[in-house]
Amino acid sequence: MSLTMNRRRRAEVVIPQTWLSRMREQATKAGGRMSPVAETARDLATHRIEDARIWAAPKLDQAAQSVEEQIAPIVSAFLTELARRIDVSSARKTRRRWPVVALLGGVAIGAVGVAMYRNNAQRWTETMRESMRHTGSDASKWVGDKAGEVGEKADKAADEISGKMS
């Protein structure tokens, strides 16, 4: 038997043809002997799998009913409570309520303030008109008196100046 190196550094075993034919014959004989054993193992495995399924089916059904009756309501309640706690819409409603109330309160106070301002402005305007009516005649009398006094002073000053000049 000679060993030669391949390019990929694998050892290659060169076996004569007579050895291959011998090995083929031995594998065929071994397969013939193992075939009944494999069939028996297959039948036995099939029987055991059926037994396991027969045993497991009622156990799984019982477990399913137990989960449905005992565990599922607890898990369902837990998940429902968790969903309620993390719900975005309920959190936004409670957070937005106070700012909206404050905003509406401010708008209402502003509207009342504007109405009061306009009312006071109208009252002030009416008061000023009334006072001008009453004091207007007084003012014109005062202005007339002052104008008369100034006129008299001007006449006196003119007379004095004309007297000094002549």
C-alpha atoms as a PDB file:
ATOM      1  CA  MET A   1       0.000   0.000   0.000  1.00  0.00           C
ATOM      2  CA  SER A   2       1.519   3.316  -1.034  1.00  0.00           C
ATOM      3  CA  LEU A   3       0.673   6.744   0.268  1.00  0.00           C
ATOM      4  CA  THR A   4       0.919   9.789  -1.961  1.00  0.00           C
ATOM      5  CA  MET A   5       0.362  13.416  -1.101  1.00  0.00           C
ATOM      6  CA  ASN A   6      -2.286  15.349  -2.930  1.00  0.00           C
ATOM      7  CA  ARG A   7      -1.977  19.069  -3.653  1.00  0.00           C
ATOM      8  CA  ARG A   8      -4.349  19.825  -0.816  1.00  0.00           C
ATOM      9  CA  ARG A   9      -2.179  17.868   1.582  1.00  0.00           C
ATOM     10  CA  ARG A  10      -4.579  14.981   1.989  1.00  0.00           C
ATOM     11  CA  ALA A  11      -3.274  11.504   2.309  1.00  0.00           C
ATOM     12  CA  GLU A  12      -4.548   9.315  -0.456  1.00  0.00           C
ATOM     13  CA  VAL A  13      -4.685   5.609   0.092  1.00  0.00           C
ATOM     14  CA  VAL A  14      -4.347   3.497  -2.990  1.00  0.00           C
ATOM     15  CA  ILE A  15      -6.204   0.219  -2.491  1.00  0.00           C
ATOM     16  CA  PRO A  16      -5.948  -2.604  -4.987  1.00  0.00           C
ATOM     17  CA  GLN A  17      -9.143  -3.721  -6.753  1.00  0.00           C
ATOM     18  CA  THR A  18      -9.133  -7.117  -5.086  1.00  0.00           C
ATOM     19  CA  TRP A  19      -9.532  -5.513  -1.678  1.00  0.00           C
ATOM     20  CA  LEU A  20     -12.483  -3.450  -2.880  1.00  0.00           C
ATOM     21  CA  SER A  21     -14.310  -6.489  -4.122  1.00  0.00           C
ATOM     22  CA  ARG A  22     -13.669  -8.333  -0.834  1.00  0.00           C
ATOM     23  CA  MET A  23     -14.978  -5.421   1.208  1.00  0.00           C
ATOM     24  CA  ARG A  24     -18.073  -5.146  -0.962  1.00  0.00           C
ATOM     25  CA  GLU A  25     -18.859  -8.819  -0.390  1.00  0.00           C
ATOM     26  CA  GLN A  26     -18.388  -8.517   3.371  1.00  0.00           C
ATOM     27  CA  ALA A  27     -20.653  -5.405   3.500  1.00  0.00           C
ATOM     28  CA  THR A  28     -23.343  -7.248   1.553  1.00  0.00           C
ATOM     29  CA  LYS A  29     -23.215 -10.237   3.956  1.00  0.00           C
ATOM     30  CA  ALA A  30     -23.317  -7.906   6.982  1.00  0.00           C
ATOM     31  CA  GLY A  31     -26.310  -6.076   5.468  1.00  0.00           C
ATOM     32  CA  GLY A  32     -28.106  -9.370   4.991  1.00  0.00           C
ATOM     33  CA  ARG A  33     -27.523 -10.300   8.622  1.00  0.00           C
ATOM     34  CA  MET A  34     -28.513  -6.847   9.955  1.00  0.00           C
ATOM     35  CA  SER A  35     -31.679  -6.474   7.917  1.00  0.00           C
ATOM     36  CA  PRO A  36     -33.880  -8.605  10.231  1.00  0.00           C
ATOM     37  CA  VAL A  37     -32.375  -6.900  13.281  1.00  0.00           C
ATOM     38  CA  ALA A  38     -33.147  -3.459  11.791  1.00  0.00           C
ATOM     39  CA  GLU A  39     -36.709  -4.529  11.001  1.00  0.00           C
ATOM     40  CA  THR A  40     -37.186  -5.753  14.557  1.00  0.00           C
ATOM     41  CA  ALA A  41     -35.741  -2.497  15.937  1.00  0.00           C
ATOM     42  CA  ARG A  42     -38.047  -0.514  13.661  1.00  0.00           C
ATOM     43  CA  ASP A  43     -41.104  -2.478  14.815  1.00  0.00           C
ATOM     44  CA  LEU A  44     -40.090  -2.147  18.442  1.00  0.00           C
ATOM     45  CA  ALA A  45     -39.523   1.606  18.066  1.00  0.00           C
ATOM     46  CA  THR A  46     -42.902   2.014  16.379  1.00  0.00           C
ATOM     47  CA  HIS A  47     -44.582   0.116  19.233  1.00  0.00           C
ATOM     48  CA  ARG A  48     -42.778   2.209  21.867  1.00  0.00           C
ATOM     49  CA  ILE A  49     -43.693   5.456  20.119  1.00  0.00           C
ATOM     50  CA  GLU A  50     -47.349   4.393  20.057  1.00  0.00           C
ATOM     51  CA  ASP A  51     -47.176   3.542  23.771  1.00  0.00           C
ATOM     52  CA  ALA A  52     -45.643   6.933  24.501  1.00  0.00           C
ATOM     53  CA  ARG A  53     -48.359   8.689  22.506  1.00  0.00           C
ATOM     54  CA  ILE A  54     -51.078   6.724  24.272  1.00  0.00           C
ATOM     55  CA  TRP A  55     -49.600   7.727  27.635  1.00  0.00           C
ATOM     56  CA  ALA A  56     -48.868  11.367  26.701  1.00  0.00           C
ATOM     57  CA  ALA A  57     -52.193  12.293  25.060  1.00  0.00           C
ATOM     58  CA  PRO A  58     -54.289  12.301  28.275  1.00  0.00           C
ATOM     59  CA  LYS A  59     -51.473  14.036  30.183  1.00  0.00           C
ATOM     60  CA  LEU A  60     -51.312  16.832  27.603  1.00  0.00           C
ATOM     61  CA  ASP A  61     -55.108  17.152  27.622  1.00  0.00           C
ATOM     62  CA  GLN A  62     -55.116  17.403  31.421  1.00  0.00           C
ATOM     63  CA  ALA A  63     -52.340  19.990  31.310  1.00  0.00           C
ATOM     64  CA  ALA A  64     -54.236  22.014  28.708  1.00  0.00           C
ATOM     65  CA  GLN A  65     -57.390  22.035  30.840  1.00  0.00           C
ATOM     66  CA  SER A  66     -55.370  23.009  33.910  1.00  0.00           C
ATOM     67  CA  VAL A  67     -53.753  25.889  32.060  1.00  0.00           C
ATOM     68  CA  GLU A  68     -57.121  26.993  30.675  1.00  0.00           C
ATOM     69  CA  GLU A  69     -58.913  26.907  34.035  1.00  0.00           C
ATOM     70  CA  GLN A  70     -56.203  27.989  36.468  1.00  0.00           C
ATOM     71  CA  ILE A  71     -53.289  29.741  34.811  1.00  0.00           C
ATOM     72  CA  ALA A  72     -54.949  31.468  31.840  1.00  0.00           C
ATOM     73  CA  PRO A  73     -57.282  33.702  33.921  1.00  0.00           C
ATOM     74  CA  ILE A  74     -54.346  34.883  36.042  1.00  0.00           C
ATOM     75  CA  VAL A  75     -52.176  35.582  32.998  1.00  0.00           C
ATOM     76  CA  SER A  76     -55.100  37.244  31.227  1.00  0.00           C
ATOM     77  CA  ALA A  77     -55.811  39.527  34.200  1.00  0.00           C
ATOM     78  CA  PHE A  78     -52.122  40.375  34.470  1.00  0.00           C
ATOM     79  CA  LEU A  79     -51.862  41.248  30.783  1.00  0.00           C
ATOM     80  CA  THR A  80     -55.079  43.298  30.880  1.00  0.00           C
ATOM     81  CA  GLU A  81     -53.836  45.301  33.869  1.00  0.00           C
ATOM     82  CA  LEU A  82     -50.471  45.794  32.199  1.00  0.00           C
ATOM     83  CA  ALA A  83     -52.140  47.001  28.993  1.00  0.00           C
ATOM     84  CA  ARG A  84     -54.279  49.445  30.984  1.00  0.00           C
ATOM     85  CA  ARG A  85     -51.230  50.830  32.773  1.00  0.00           C
ATOM     86  CA  ILE A  86     -49.156  51.395  29.639  1.00  0.00           C
ATOM     87  CA  ASP A  87     -52.029  52.625  27.472  1.00  0.00           C
ATOM     88  CA  VAL A  88     -50.967  55.871  25.810  1.00  0.00           C
ATOM     89  CA  SER A  89     -54.448  57.351  25.328  1.00  0.00           C
ATOM     90  CA  SER A  90     -55.380  57.258  29.039  1.00  0.00           C
ATOM     91  CA  ALA A  91     -52.056  58.807  30.054  1.00  0.00           C
ATOM     92  CA  ARG A  92     -52.454  61.641  27.555  1.00  0.00           C
ATOM     93  CA  LYS A  93     -55.993  62.425  28.671  1.00  0.00           C
ATOM     94  CA  THR A  94     -55.009  62.886  32.290  1.00  0.00           C
ATOM     95  CA  ARG A  95     -51.928  64.902  31.412  1.00  0.00           C
ATOM     96  CA  ARG A  96     -53.750  67.200  29.019  1.00  0.00           C
ATOM     97  CA  ARG A  97     -56.727  67.920  31.266  1.00  0.00           C
ATOM     98  CA  TRP A  98     -55.043  70.496  33.519  1.00  0.00           C
ATOM     99  CA  PRO A  99     -53.392  72.552  30.787  1.00  0.00           C
ATOM    100  CA  VAL A 100     -56.676  72.710  28.884  1.00  0.00           C
ATOM    101  CA  VAL A 101     -58.554  73.802  32.016  1.00  0.00           C
ATOM    102  CA  ALA A 102     -55.890  76.427  32.737  1.00  0.00           C
ATOM    103  CA  LEU A 103     -56.026  77.668  29.135  1.00  0.00           C
ATOM    104  CA  LEU A 104     -59.818  77.918  29.144  1.00  0.00           C
ATOM    105  CA  GLY A 105     -59.715  79.672  32.524  1.00  0.00           C
ATOM    106  CA  GLY A 106     -57.201  82.178  31.166  1.00  0.00           C
ATOM    107  CA  VAL A 107     -59.324  82.803  28.086  1.00  0.00           C
ATOM    108  CA  ALA A 108     -62.404  83.350  30.271  1.00  0.00           C
ATOM    109  CA  ILE A 109     -60.543  85.759  32.573  1.00  0.00           C
ATOM    110  CA  GLY A 110     -59.173  87.597  29.527  1.00  0.00           C
ATOM    111  CA  ALA A 111     -62.659  87.919  28.037  1.00  0.00           C
ATOM    112  CA  VAL A 112     -64.012  89.325  31.324  1.00  0.00           C
ATOM    113  CA  GLY A 113     -61.058  91.737  31.469  1.00  0.00           C
ATOM    114  CA  VAL A 114     -61.672  92.966  27.919  1.00  0.00           C
ATOM    115  CA  ALA A 115     -65.374  93.482  28.651  1.00  0.00           C
ATOM    116  CA  MET A 116     -64.547  95.410  31.838  1.00  0.00           C
ATOM    117  CA  TYR A 117     -61.952  97.518  29.988  1.00  0.00           C
ATOM    118  CA  ARG A 118     -64.389  98.422  27.222  1.00  0.00           C
ATOM    119  CA  ASN A 119     -67.081  99.270  29.777  1.00  0.00           C
ATOM    120  CA  ASN A 120     -64.674 101.447  31.762  1.00  0.00           C
ATOM    121  CA  ALA A 121     -63.441 103.104  28.559  1.00  0.00           C
ATOM    122  CA  GLN A 122     -67.011 103.981  27.571  1.00  0.00           C
ATOM    123  CA  ARG A 123     -67.697 105.359  31.042  1.00  0.00           C
ATOM    124  CA  TRP A 124     -64.475 107.408  30.937  1.00  0.00           C
ATOM    125  CA  THR A 125     -65.372 108.773  27.512  1.00  0.00           C
ATOM    126  CA  GLU A 126     -68.842 109.760  28.694  1.00  0.00           C
ATOM    127  CA  THR A 127     -67.414 111.360  31.844  1.00  0.00           C
ATOM    128  CA  MET A 128     -64.910 113.349  29.811  1.00  0.00           C
ATOM    129  CA  ARG A 129     -67.660 114.543  27.464  1.00  0.00           C
ATOM    130  CA  GLU A 130     -69.784 115.629  30.406  1.00  0.00           C
ATOM    131  CA  SER A 131     -66.888 117.406  32.074  1.00  0.00           C
ATOM    132  CA  MET A 132     -66.029 119.145  28.805  1.00  0.00           C
ATOM    133  CA  ARG A 133     -69.601 120.345  28.498  1.00  0.00           C
ATOM    134  CA  HIS A 134     -69.537 121.750  32.010  1.00  0.00           C
ATOM    135  CA  THR A 135     -65.956 122.943  32.024  1.00  0.00           C
ATOM    136  CA  GLY A 136     -66.051 123.927  28.370  1.00  0.00           C
ATOM    137  CA  SER A 137     -68.180 126.957  29.103  1.00  0.00           C
ATOM    138  CA  ASP A 138     -66.026 127.728  32.133  1.00  0.00           C
ATOM    139  CA  ALA A 139     -62.914 127.354  30.032  1.00  0.00           C
ATOM    140  CA  SER A 140     -64.228 129.611  27.299  1.00  0.00           C
ATOM    141  CA  LYS A 141     -65.215 132.177  29.941  1.00  0.00           C
ATOM    142  CA  TRP A 142     -61.741 131.922  31.466  1.00  0.00           C
ATOM    143  CA  VAL A 143     -60.111 132.231  28.058  1.00  0.00           C
ATOM    144  CA  GLY A 144     -62.334 135.234  27.292  1.00  0.00           C
ATOM    145  CA  ASP A 145     -61.432 136.869  30.605  1.00  0.00           C
ATOM    146  CA  LYS A 146     -57.726 136.254  30.010  1.00  0.00           C
ATOM    147  CA  ALA A 147     -58.002 137.596  26.495  1.00  0.00           C
ATOM    148  CA  GLY A 148     -59.706 140.701  27.832  1.00  0.00           C
ATOM    149  CA  GLU A 149     -57.023 141.197  30.480  1.00  0.00           C
ATOM    150  CA  VAL A 150     -54.273 140.733  27.918  1.00  0.00           C
ATOM    151  CA  GLY A 151     -56.065 143.190  25.612  1.00  0.00           C
ATOM    152  CA  GLU A 152     -56.293 145.758  28.401  1.00  0.00           C
ATOM    153  CA  LYS A 153     -52.624 145.299  29.284  1.00  0.00           C
ATOM    154  CA  ALA A 154     -51.725 145.666  25.633  1.00  0.00           C
ATOM    155  CA  ASP A 155     -53.737 148.916  25.390  1.00  0.00           C
ATOM    156  CA  LYS A 156     -52.054 150.288  28.516  1.00  0.00           C
ATOM    157  CA  ALA A 157     -48.627 149.324  27.220  1.00  0.00           C
ATOM    158  CA  ALA A 158     -49.431 150.930  23.850  1.00  0.00           C
ATOM    159  CA  ASP A 159     -50.597 154.104  25.550  1.00  0.00           C
ATOM    160  CA  GLU A 160     -47.452 154.264  27.673  1.00  0.00           C
ATOM    161  CA  ILE A 161     -45.250 153.732  24.670  1.00  0.00           C
ATOM    162  CA  SER A 162     -47.104 156.328  22.599  1.00  0.00           C
ATOM    163  CA  GLY A 163     -46.921 158.752  25.586  1.00  0.00           C
ATOM    164  CA  LYS A 164     -43.217 158.367  25.895  1.00  0.00           C
ATOM    165  CA  MET A 165     -42.729 158.889  22.244  1.00  0.00           C
ATOM    166  CA  SER A 166     -44.645 162.107  22.081  1.00  0.00           C
END
